[in-house]
Protein backbone atom coordinates (compact mmCIF):
# COMPACT_ATOMS: atom_id res chain seq x y z
CA UNK A 1 97.69 71.37 106.92
CA UNK A 2 95.56 74.41 106.53
CA UNK A 3 96.39 77.64 104.85
CA UNK A 4 94.72 80.92 105.44
CA UNK A 5 95.10 84.32 103.81
CA UNK A 6 92.71 86.23 105.88
CA UNK A 7 92.49 86.55 109.69
CA UNK A 8 88.69 86.54 109.54
CA UNK A 9 88.68 82.93 108.39
CA UNK A 10 91.58 82.13 110.52
CA UNK A 11 90.05 83.42 113.71
CA UNK A 12 86.69 81.97 112.81
CA UNK A 13 88.38 78.36 112.47
CA UNK A 14 90.37 78.73 115.64
CA UNK A 15 87.25 80.14 117.70
CA UNK A 16 85.22 77.14 116.63
CA UNK A 17 87.92 74.79 117.85
CA UNK A 18 88.46 76.44 121.46
CA UNK A 19 91.95 75.41 121.33
CA UNK A 20 95.38 76.67 122.57
CA UNK A 21 97.40 78.43 119.78
CA UNK A 22 101.17 78.92 119.39
CA UNK A 23 102.36 81.48 116.87
CA UNK A 24 105.61 81.50 114.87
CA UNK A 25 106.10 84.87 112.99
CA UNK A 26 108.44 84.48 109.97
CA UNK A 27 109.36 86.01 106.76
CA UNK A 28 109.53 82.61 104.97
CA UNK A 29 112.57 80.96 103.60
CA UNK A 30 112.25 78.51 106.42
CA UNK A 31 115.00 76.42 107.62
CA UNK A 32 115.74 73.97 110.44
CA UNK A 33 115.95 76.85 112.92
CA UNK A 34 112.41 77.69 112.22
CA UNK A 35 111.34 74.02 112.40
CA UNK A 36 112.81 73.66 115.86
CA UNK A 37 110.37 76.49 116.98
CA UNK A 38 107.43 74.58 115.40
CA UNK A 39 108.54 71.33 117.47
CA UNK A 40 108.71 73.48 120.60
CA UNK A 41 105.23 75.02 119.88
CA UNK A 42 103.67 71.63 119.26
CA UNK A 43 104.90 70.38 122.62
CA UNK A 44 102.78 73.24 124.35
CA UNK A 45 99.74 74.03 122.00
CA UNK A 46 96.97 72.36 120.32
CA UNK A 47 97.57 74.17 117.04
CA UNK A 48 100.52 76.01 115.66
CA UNK A 49 100.09 78.99 113.37
CA UNK A 50 103.35 79.85 111.32
CA UNK A 51 103.06 83.17 109.45
CA UNK A 52 104.86 83.95 106.27
CA UNK A 53 104.99 87.58 105.42
CA UNK A 54 107.88 89.53 104.22
CA UNK A 55 107.50 92.78 106.04
CA UNK A 56 108.46 95.89 104.00
CA UNK A 57 108.67 98.49 106.71
CA UNK A 58 111.38 96.64 108.61
CA UNK A 59 113.93 96.93 105.66
CA UNK A 60 116.04 100.12 105.58
CA UNK A 61 117.44 99.01 102.29
CA UNK A 62 115.11 98.46 99.24
CA UNK A 63 117.52 96.10 97.55
CA UNK A 64 117.69 93.86 100.81
CA UNK A 65 113.84 93.76 100.58
CA UNK A 66 113.59 92.81 96.91
CA UNK A 67 116.45 90.16 97.26
CA UNK A 68 115.04 88.57 100.52
CA UNK A 69 114.84 84.87 99.80
CA UNK A 70 111.27 83.46 99.19
CA UNK A 71 109.86 80.23 98.11
CA UNK A 72 106.38 79.53 99.62
CA UNK A 73 105.94 76.03 97.96
CA UNK A 74 109.20 74.89 99.48
CA UNK A 75 108.19 76.35 102.91
CA UNK A 76 104.93 74.68 102.94
CA UNK A 77 106.44 71.33 101.83
CA UNK A 78 108.93 71.64 104.80
CA UNK A 79 105.91 72.01 107.13
CA UNK A 80 103.74 69.11 105.73
CA UNK A 81 105.37 66.29 107.85
CA UNK A 82 104.68 68.02 111.08
CA UNK A 83 100.88 67.56 111.71
CA UNK A 84 97.42 68.23 110.44
CA UNK A 85 97.03 70.74 113.19
CA UNK A 86 99.65 73.14 111.84
CA UNK A 87 98.21 76.45 110.06
CA UNK A 88 100.15 78.51 107.62
CA UNK A 89 98.90 82.07 107.60
CA UNK A 90 99.87 84.14 104.70
CA UNK A 91 98.46 87.48 104.90
CA UNK A 92 98.29 90.12 102.06
CA UNK A 93 99.58 93.77 102.85
CA UNK A 94 96.01 94.89 103.55
CA UNK A 95 95.73 92.36 106.32
CA UNK A 96 98.79 93.89 108.09
CA UNK A 97 98.48 97.58 106.83
CA UNK A 98 94.74 98.29 106.43
CA UNK A 99 95.49 101.98 106.19
CA UNK A 100 98.47 101.85 103.93
CA UNK A 101 102.10 100.53 104.38
CA UNK A 102 103.48 102.56 106.90
CA UNK A 103 104.85 101.46 110.41
CA UNK A 104 103.43 102.64 113.69
CA UNK A 105 105.71 104.60 115.99
CA UNK A 106 106.78 103.14 119.23
CA UNK A 107 108.86 104.14 122.40
CA UNK A 108 111.17 101.31 123.34
CA UNK A 109 113.60 103.42 125.41
CA UNK A 110 117.06 102.29 125.14
CA UNK A 111 116.13 98.91 123.46
CA UNK A 112 116.04 100.13 119.99
CA UNK A 113 118.81 102.66 120.09
CA UNK A 114 121.83 100.48 119.53
CA UNK A 115 123.02 97.56 117.49
CA UNK A 116 120.28 96.84 114.97
CA UNK A 117 118.49 99.93 115.95
CA UNK A 118 121.37 102.07 115.19
CA UNK A 119 122.32 100.56 111.86
CA UNK A 120 118.86 99.84 110.44
CA UNK A 121 116.70 103.02 110.57
CA UNK A 122 113.10 102.34 111.70
CA UNK A 123 113.69 98.74 111.74
CA UNK A 124 112.13 97.88 115.00
CA UNK A 125 109.09 100.21 114.50
CA UNK A 126 108.46 98.07 111.43
CA UNK A 127 108.95 94.74 113.37
CA UNK A 128 106.73 95.92 116.25
CA UNK A 129 103.99 96.93 113.77
CA UNK A 130 103.85 93.57 112.01
CA UNK A 131 104.15 91.53 115.19
CA UNK A 132 101.36 93.65 116.84
CA UNK A 133 99.19 92.94 113.72
CA UNK A 134 99.90 89.25 113.82
CA UNK A 135 99.07 89.03 117.41
CA UNK A 136 95.84 90.80 116.82
CA UNK A 137 94.98 88.67 113.84
CA UNK A 138 95.81 85.35 115.43
CA UNK A 139 95.24 85.88 119.14
CA UNK A 140 97.80 83.42 120.24
CA UNK A 141 98.40 81.95 123.68
CA UNK A 142 102.14 81.83 123.10
CA UNK A 143 104.54 83.15 120.47
CA UNK A 144 108.10 81.74 119.79
CA UNK A 145 111.14 83.56 118.71
CA UNK A 146 114.80 82.49 118.07
CA UNK A 147 117.53 83.76 120.49
CA UNK A 148 119.66 84.87 117.31
CA UNK A 149 117.55 87.95 117.21
CA UNK A 150 117.71 88.66 120.95
CA UNK A 151 117.30 92.40 120.64
CA UNK A 152 114.14 91.89 118.43
CA UNK A 153 112.84 89.61 121.37
CA UNK A 154 113.39 92.31 123.86
CA UNK A 155 111.50 94.84 121.57
CA UNK A 156 108.47 92.43 121.22
CA UNK A 157 108.61 91.80 124.89
CA UNK A 158 108.22 95.60 125.49
CA UNK A 159 105.47 95.82 123.07
CA UNK A 160 103.57 92.99 124.76
CA UNK A 161 104.08 94.82 128.04
CA UNK A 162 103.00 98.29 126.78
CA UNK A 163 99.85 97.07 124.79
CA UNK A 164 98.92 94.68 127.58
CA UNK A 165 98.79 91.69 124.92
CA UNK A 166 97.82 88.59 126.53
CA UNK A 167 100.40 86.34 124.94
CA UNK A 168 103.31 84.50 126.50
CA UNK A 169 106.58 84.98 124.64
CA UNK A 170 109.11 82.03 124.46
CA UNK A 171 112.75 82.50 123.57
CA UNK A 172 114.19 79.39 122.01
CA UNK A 173 117.98 78.58 121.60
CA UNK A 174 119.86 79.39 118.47
CA UNK A 175 120.10 76.48 116.09
CA UNK A 176 123.48 76.26 114.24
CA UNK A 177 125.05 74.45 111.25
CA UNK A 178 127.68 72.00 112.06
CA UNK A 179 130.40 74.55 111.77
CA UNK A 180 128.84 76.91 114.12
CA UNK A 181 127.16 79.29 111.78
CA UNK A 182 123.80 80.39 113.11
CA UNK A 183 120.98 79.43 110.90
CA UNK A 184 119.53 82.38 108.89
CA UNK A 185 117.19 82.69 105.90
CA UNK A 186 120.05 84.95 104.48
CA UNK A 187 122.51 82.05 104.57
CA UNK A 188 120.87 80.99 101.29
CA UNK A 189 122.68 83.98 99.77
CA UNK A 190 126.09 82.44 100.88
CA UNK A 191 128.22 80.01 98.73
CA UNK A 192 130.20 77.06 100.42
CA UNK A 193 133.35 79.02 100.70
CA UNK A 194 131.48 81.89 102.25
CA UNK A 195 129.55 79.63 104.72
CA UNK A 196 133.05 78.34 105.88
CA UNK A 197 134.34 81.73 106.28
CA UNK A 198 131.17 82.66 108.12
CA UNK A 199 131.68 80.01 110.71
CA UNK A 200 134.51 82.15 112.25
CA UNK A 201 131.77 84.43 113.82
CA UNK A 202 130.69 81.93 116.27
CA UNK A 203 134.13 80.61 116.83
CA UNK A 204 135.48 84.01 117.66
CA UNK A 205 132.54 84.94 119.77
CA UNK A 206 133.32 81.69 122.04
CA UNK A 207 136.78 82.76 122.15
CA UNK A 208 135.66 86.35 123.42
CA UNK A 209 133.61 84.50 126.13
CA UNK A 210 136.49 82.35 127.09
CA UNK A 211 139.02 85.42 127.36
CA UNK A 212 136.38 87.98 128.66
CA UNK A 213 137.94 88.38 132.19
CA UNK A 214 141.40 88.89 130.79
CA UNK A 215 140.86 92.16 128.56
CA UNK A 216 138.85 95.30 128.74
CA UNK A 217 136.00 96.09 126.36
CA UNK A 218 138.00 97.93 123.67
CA UNK A 219 140.65 95.21 123.70
CA UNK A 220 137.87 92.52 123.14
CA UNK A 221 136.47 94.47 120.25
CA UNK A 222 139.81 94.71 118.56
CA UNK A 223 140.40 91.07 119.00
CA UNK A 224 137.15 90.17 117.49
CA UNK A 225 137.47 92.43 114.51
CA UNK A 226 141.11 91.49 113.80
CA UNK A 227 140.27 87.76 113.88
CA UNK A 228 137.19 88.11 111.65
CA UNK A 229 138.66 90.59 109.22
CA UNK A 230 141.49 88.25 108.44
CA UNK A 231 139.62 87.38 105.34
CA UNK A 232 138.85 90.18 103.06
CA UNK A 233 135.33 88.99 102.43
CA UNK A 234 134.35 89.62 106.07
CA UNK A 235 133.62 93.03 107.50
CA UNK A 236 132.49 93.75 111.02
CA UNK A 237 129.64 96.42 111.20
CA UNK A 238 129.45 96.43 114.97
CA UNK A 239 130.73 94.63 118.17
CA UNK A 240 128.79 95.54 121.31
CA UNK A 241 128.76 94.14 124.93
CA UNK A 242 125.65 95.06 126.50
CA UNK A 243 123.28 94.22 129.42
CA UNK A 244 120.42 91.99 128.58
CA UNK A 245 118.09 94.38 130.51
CA UNK A 246 118.66 97.57 128.78
CA UNK A 247 120.65 96.65 125.74
CA UNK A 248 122.99 99.69 126.24
CA UNK A 249 126.56 98.95 125.24
CA UNK A 250 129.14 99.29 127.85
CA UNK A 251 132.63 100.85 127.56
CA UNK A 252 133.80 99.50 130.86
CA UNK A 253 132.89 96.18 132.60
CA UNK A 254 130.44 96.14 135.37
CA UNK A 255 129.94 93.40 137.81
CA UNK A 256 126.68 91.59 138.68
CA UNK A 257 124.95 91.99 135.39
CA UNK A 258 123.82 89.61 132.62
CA UNK A 259 125.90 90.74 129.55
CA UNK A 260 125.95 89.45 125.84
CA UNK A 261 128.09 90.18 122.92
CA UNK A 262 126.13 91.19 119.83
CA UNK A 263 127.81 91.55 116.51
CA UNK A 264 126.84 92.18 112.89
CA UNK A 265 129.19 90.92 110.14
CA UNK A 266 129.13 91.32 106.34
CA UNK A 267 130.11 88.10 104.47
CA UNK A 268 130.54 89.51 100.93
CA UNK A 269 127.24 91.32 100.31
CA UNK A 270 125.21 89.23 103.02
CA UNK A 271 124.85 90.86 106.53
CA UNK A 272 124.72 88.24 109.35
CA UNK A 273 124.12 88.74 113.11
CA UNK A 274 124.87 86.64 116.08
CA UNK A 275 125.22 86.87 119.83
CA UNK A 276 126.56 84.96 122.79
CA UNK A 277 125.86 85.35 126.59
CA UNK A 278 128.81 85.91 128.73
CA UNK A 279 127.53 84.27 131.94
């Protein structure tokens, strides 16, 4: 395993090898979901670069940023068994923000106007800024992202198209705990009781999928909220049904479109997101 803190040394090494590179951008606090991305990337590339950088500009809450879980030693130990051809890129702020810590401004149309974009001000400008910098600093052939952050994937896809970045994006399935809870670095903030409660998110999403044809959108939202908020520790921030193409929430059902349900739920003080496709 190799660890680089500067893109200059990283690119010099990769250029000397003349190999295909897969990138997995992360903010650390690695879990089995991240490792599944590593496994997929190794199937398709000579070297895999996994970046660890907690990006300040994608947080709209300073407390959330300060409390984001981090343990680089543990992250590196999780990656050691994979291969000598794994590279950990841990950039300093100057590597990502050479002109000061401020996000760029982008136009993603409707993609960043709803769900996470509505409730996390400037979030996707911050995401796009760091991903654009990581693509520039690592020049990957492919980059891998988890389906849990589907809206983020659509944003990055738009970024790649707008900037004509020569990197193929790979969307990988959500990895879940045995009880259905989507793996997330934020799960580290949950105790065992909260994890059990949080499993109802995926369970209820599956129910919404089963009964989708029987109810209108407002009724489905009410069913979801009522079932989740049975526990006083759970609070639904949003429930949206949107087309995968434009991510605009619908008020009435439309045929012949690929829809997903997107939700954000607070479990105590911890905010979790999840989604499920309806086709």
